[in-house]
């Protein structure tokens, strides 16, 4: 079974995340994409992050209507910062060698890729699929990852979690930015206000 991993903070998960997952399913001929909310991202230590229980539930609600999208608690259960190399290795062990085929990332993450934990080992562990985000391209990326990464043909939708949080704080609508189940959950739990 061909599997892709889409990791992130997902604070909150939004429609652009789902568009990327669907593009990965199609472009990479994947059987499934696993959403992996991170409990404690090492690259975002200064920002207050919504409790991972809420982020997991929003991811579950966002993916509920697509049987090819799954949500994993693997990183959410960690008590220390999550590193992609550790996640990839744990998933490969749990799923069986050759199962996990692609790590899906945004082009904005490429600039810091070689500051990640064990980046060369990570390049050897899996294939990379990169979605080009508005305002970012592949030209500034290190050639070692540029030559290993496959570009996903996903519609470029300029939606960000930080903008959604700001809109909620300002009392503005987030309709058509997040799935309705996520919007309902944000209201129900009074998140971001």
Protein backbone atom coordinates (compact mmCIF):
# COMPACT_ATOMS: atom_id res chain seq x y z
CA UNK A 1 0.00 0.00 0.00
CA UNK A 2 1.47 3.36 -1.03
CA UNK A 3 1.30 5.87 1.80
CA UNK A 4 2.08 9.55 2.13
CA UNK A 5 2.69 11.46 5.34
CA UNK A 6 1.48 15.03 5.77
CA UNK A 7 2.80 16.40 9.04
CA UNK A 8 2.28 19.77 10.62
CA UNK A 9 0.91 21.74 13.49
CA UNK A 10 -2.58 21.91 11.93
CA UNK A 11 -3.58 24.77 14.23
CA UNK A 12 -6.19 24.57 12.70
CA UNK A 13 -6.34 22.19 9.76
CA UNK A 14 -7.83 23.97 6.73
CA UNK A 15 -8.94 23.40 3.15
CA UNK A 16 -5.48 23.97 1.66
CA UNK A 17 -4.22 21.00 3.71
CA UNK A 18 -7.00 18.84 2.26
CA UNK A 19 -6.29 20.07 -1.27
CA UNK A 20 -2.63 19.09 -0.86
CA UNK A 21 -3.59 15.65 0.46
CA UNK A 22 -5.94 15.06 -2.47
CA UNK A 23 -3.28 16.19 -4.96
CA UNK A 24 -0.81 13.77 -3.36
CA UNK A 25 -3.27 10.89 -3.62
CA UNK A 26 -3.72 11.60 -7.31
CA UNK A 27 -0.25 12.74 -8.45
CA UNK A 28 1.70 10.12 -6.50
CA UNK A 29 -0.84 7.29 -6.94
CA UNK A 30 -1.07 6.89 -3.18
CA UNK A 31 -3.55 4.64 -1.45
CA UNK A 32 -3.74 6.93 1.56
CA UNK A 33 -2.39 10.07 3.17
CA UNK A 34 -1.80 10.14 6.91
CA UNK A 35 -2.25 13.50 8.68
CA UNK A 36 0.23 13.71 11.55
CA UNK A 37 -0.48 16.58 13.99
CA UNK A 38 2.69 17.37 15.91
CA UNK A 39 2.43 17.79 19.69
CA UNK A 40 5.50 19.96 20.13
CA UNK A 41 7.08 21.18 16.88
CA UNK A 42 10.76 22.01 17.46
CA UNK A 43 10.67 24.86 14.92
CA UNK A 44 7.80 26.74 16.65
CA UNK A 45 8.93 26.97 20.27
CA UNK A 46 7.92 30.60 20.87
CA UNK A 47 4.28 30.44 19.81
CA UNK A 48 1.49 29.22 22.04
CA UNK A 49 0.05 26.18 20.28
CA UNK A 50 -3.48 24.86 20.79
CA UNK A 51 -3.61 21.65 22.82
CA UNK A 52 -2.93 18.65 20.60
CA UNK A 53 -6.21 16.99 21.64
CA UNK A 54 -8.11 19.78 19.89
CA UNK A 55 -5.87 19.69 16.82
CA UNK A 56 -6.32 15.91 16.53
CA UNK A 57 -10.10 16.23 16.75
CA UNK A 58 -10.16 18.98 14.12
CA UNK A 59 -8.03 16.80 11.82
CA UNK A 60 -10.40 13.86 12.37
CA UNK A 61 -13.40 16.01 11.53
CA UNK A 62 -11.69 17.44 8.45
CA UNK A 63 -10.82 14.00 7.05
CA UNK A 64 -13.93 12.08 8.15
CA UNK A 65 -15.60 12.05 4.74
CA UNK A 66 -12.59 10.68 2.84
CA UNK A 67 -11.66 7.04 3.56
CA UNK A 68 -8.22 7.56 1.98
CA UNK A 69 -7.28 10.21 4.57
CA UNK A 70 -6.26 9.10 8.05
CA UNK A 71 -5.13 10.83 11.23
CA UNK A 72 -2.30 9.44 13.35
CA UNK A 73 -1.62 10.16 17.02
CA UNK A 74 2.01 9.03 16.77
CA UNK A 75 3.58 12.47 17.16
CA UNK A 76 0.76 13.76 19.37
CA UNK A 77 1.61 11.18 22.04
CA UNK A 78 5.24 12.25 22.29
CA UNK A 79 6.26 14.24 25.36
CA UNK A 80 9.35 15.73 23.72
CA UNK A 81 9.70 17.73 20.49
CA UNK A 82 8.85 15.72 17.38
CA UNK A 83 11.43 15.20 14.68
CA UNK A 84 10.51 14.01 11.21
CA UNK A 85 13.33 11.45 11.02
CA UNK A 86 12.03 9.71 14.17
CA UNK A 87 8.46 9.73 12.85
CA UNK A 88 9.44 8.30 9.46
CA UNK A 89 11.45 5.51 11.09
CA UNK A 90 8.65 4.65 13.54
CA UNK A 91 6.06 4.61 10.77
CA UNK A 92 8.20 2.46 8.50
CA UNK A 93 8.65 -0.02 11.33
CA UNK A 94 4.94 -0.05 12.17
CA UNK A 95 3.72 -0.23 8.56
CA UNK A 96 6.38 -2.54 7.18
CA UNK A 97 9.41 -1.75 5.05
CA UNK A 98 8.54 -0.12 1.76
CA UNK A 99 5.10 0.97 2.96
CA UNK A 100 5.71 4.68 3.57
CA UNK A 101 6.62 6.15 0.24
CA UNK A 102 6.38 9.92 0.45
CA UNK A 103 6.86 12.72 2.94
CA UNK A 104 4.71 15.65 1.82
CA UNK A 105 5.94 19.15 2.64
CA UNK A 106 5.46 22.76 1.64
CA UNK A 107 8.10 24.60 -0.36
CA UNK A 108 8.38 27.12 2.49
CA UNK A 109 9.92 24.36 4.65
CA UNK A 110 12.74 23.69 2.19
CA UNK A 111 14.74 26.73 3.30
CA UNK A 112 15.20 25.23 6.78
CA UNK A 113 15.37 21.58 5.75
CA UNK A 114 19.09 21.17 6.47
CA UNK A 115 18.55 22.56 9.97
CA UNK A 116 16.24 19.62 10.70
CA UNK A 117 17.47 16.65 12.72
CA UNK A 118 19.51 14.25 10.53
CA UNK A 119 18.47 15.72 7.15
CA UNK A 120 20.74 13.47 5.05
CA UNK A 121 19.40 10.35 6.76
CA UNK A 122 15.88 11.65 6.20
CA UNK A 123 16.59 12.07 2.49
CA UNK A 124 17.66 8.42 2.40
CA UNK A 125 14.61 7.15 4.32
CA UNK A 126 11.79 8.29 2.03
CA UNK A 127 10.72 10.08 -1.11
CA UNK A 128 9.74 13.74 -0.94
CA UNK A 129 6.76 15.48 -2.47
CA UNK A 130 6.75 19.26 -2.35
CA UNK A 131 3.77 21.51 -2.83
CA UNK A 132 4.79 24.96 -3.99
CA UNK A 133 3.21 27.55 -1.72
CA UNK A 134 2.34 31.09 -2.77
CA UNK A 135 5.44 33.28 -2.45
CA UNK A 136 7.87 30.33 -2.34
CA UNK A 137 9.50 28.36 -5.11
CA UNK A 138 12.13 25.66 -5.43
CA UNK A 139 14.92 27.89 -6.74
CA UNK A 140 16.36 28.65 -3.29
CA UNK A 141 16.27 25.04 -2.13
CA UNK A 142 19.46 23.07 -1.62
CA UNK A 143 20.17 20.96 -4.74
CA UNK A 144 20.36 17.79 -2.60
CA UNK A 145 16.67 18.02 -1.85
CA UNK A 146 15.65 19.67 -5.13
CA UNK A 147 16.88 16.66 -7.07
CA UNK A 148 15.07 14.23 -4.73
CA UNK A 149 11.76 16.06 -4.48
CA UNK A 150 8.78 15.65 -6.73
CA UNK A 151 6.60 18.73 -7.22
CA UNK A 152 2.91 18.16 -6.50
CA UNK A 153 0.47 19.69 -8.94
CA UNK A 154 -1.90 21.16 -6.37
CA UNK A 155 -3.95 24.31 -6.85
CA UNK A 156 -2.25 27.16 -5.02
CA UNK A 157 -4.65 28.33 -2.36
CA UNK A 158 -3.42 31.06 -0.05
CA UNK A 159 -4.95 29.91 3.24
CA UNK A 160 -2.94 29.88 6.43
CA UNK A 161 -3.66 28.68 9.94
CA UNK A 162 -2.32 31.94 11.37
CA UNK A 163 -4.80 33.94 9.27
CA UNK A 164 -7.64 31.69 10.41
CA UNK A 165 -6.69 32.18 14.07
CA UNK A 166 -6.51 35.95 13.51
CA UNK A 167 -9.90 35.99 11.78
CA UNK A 168 -11.51 34.11 14.68
CA UNK A 169 -9.92 36.53 17.20
CA UNK A 170 -11.28 39.45 15.17
CA UNK A 171 -14.77 37.94 14.98
CA UNK A 172 -14.57 37.43 11.20
CA UNK A 173 -15.89 34.46 9.25
CA UNK A 174 -13.80 31.40 8.44
CA UNK A 175 -16.46 29.89 6.19
CA UNK A 176 -14.91 28.27 3.09
CA UNK A 177 -11.46 28.31 4.73
CA UNK A 178 -11.99 25.25 6.94
CA UNK A 179 -14.42 22.31 6.69
CA UNK A 180 -17.72 23.02 8.46
CA UNK A 181 -16.97 20.36 11.12
CA UNK A 182 -13.75 22.19 12.00
CA UNK A 183 -15.53 25.54 12.12
CA UNK A 184 -18.22 24.06 14.39
CA UNK A 185 -15.55 22.62 16.69
CA UNK A 186 -13.70 25.95 16.92
CA UNK A 187 -16.95 27.67 17.95
CA UNK A 188 -17.96 24.87 20.34
CA UNK A 189 -14.59 24.86 22.14
CA UNK A 190 -14.11 28.65 21.91
CA UNK A 191 -10.71 28.19 20.27
CA UNK A 192 -8.65 31.17 19.07
CA UNK A 193 -11.03 33.79 20.47
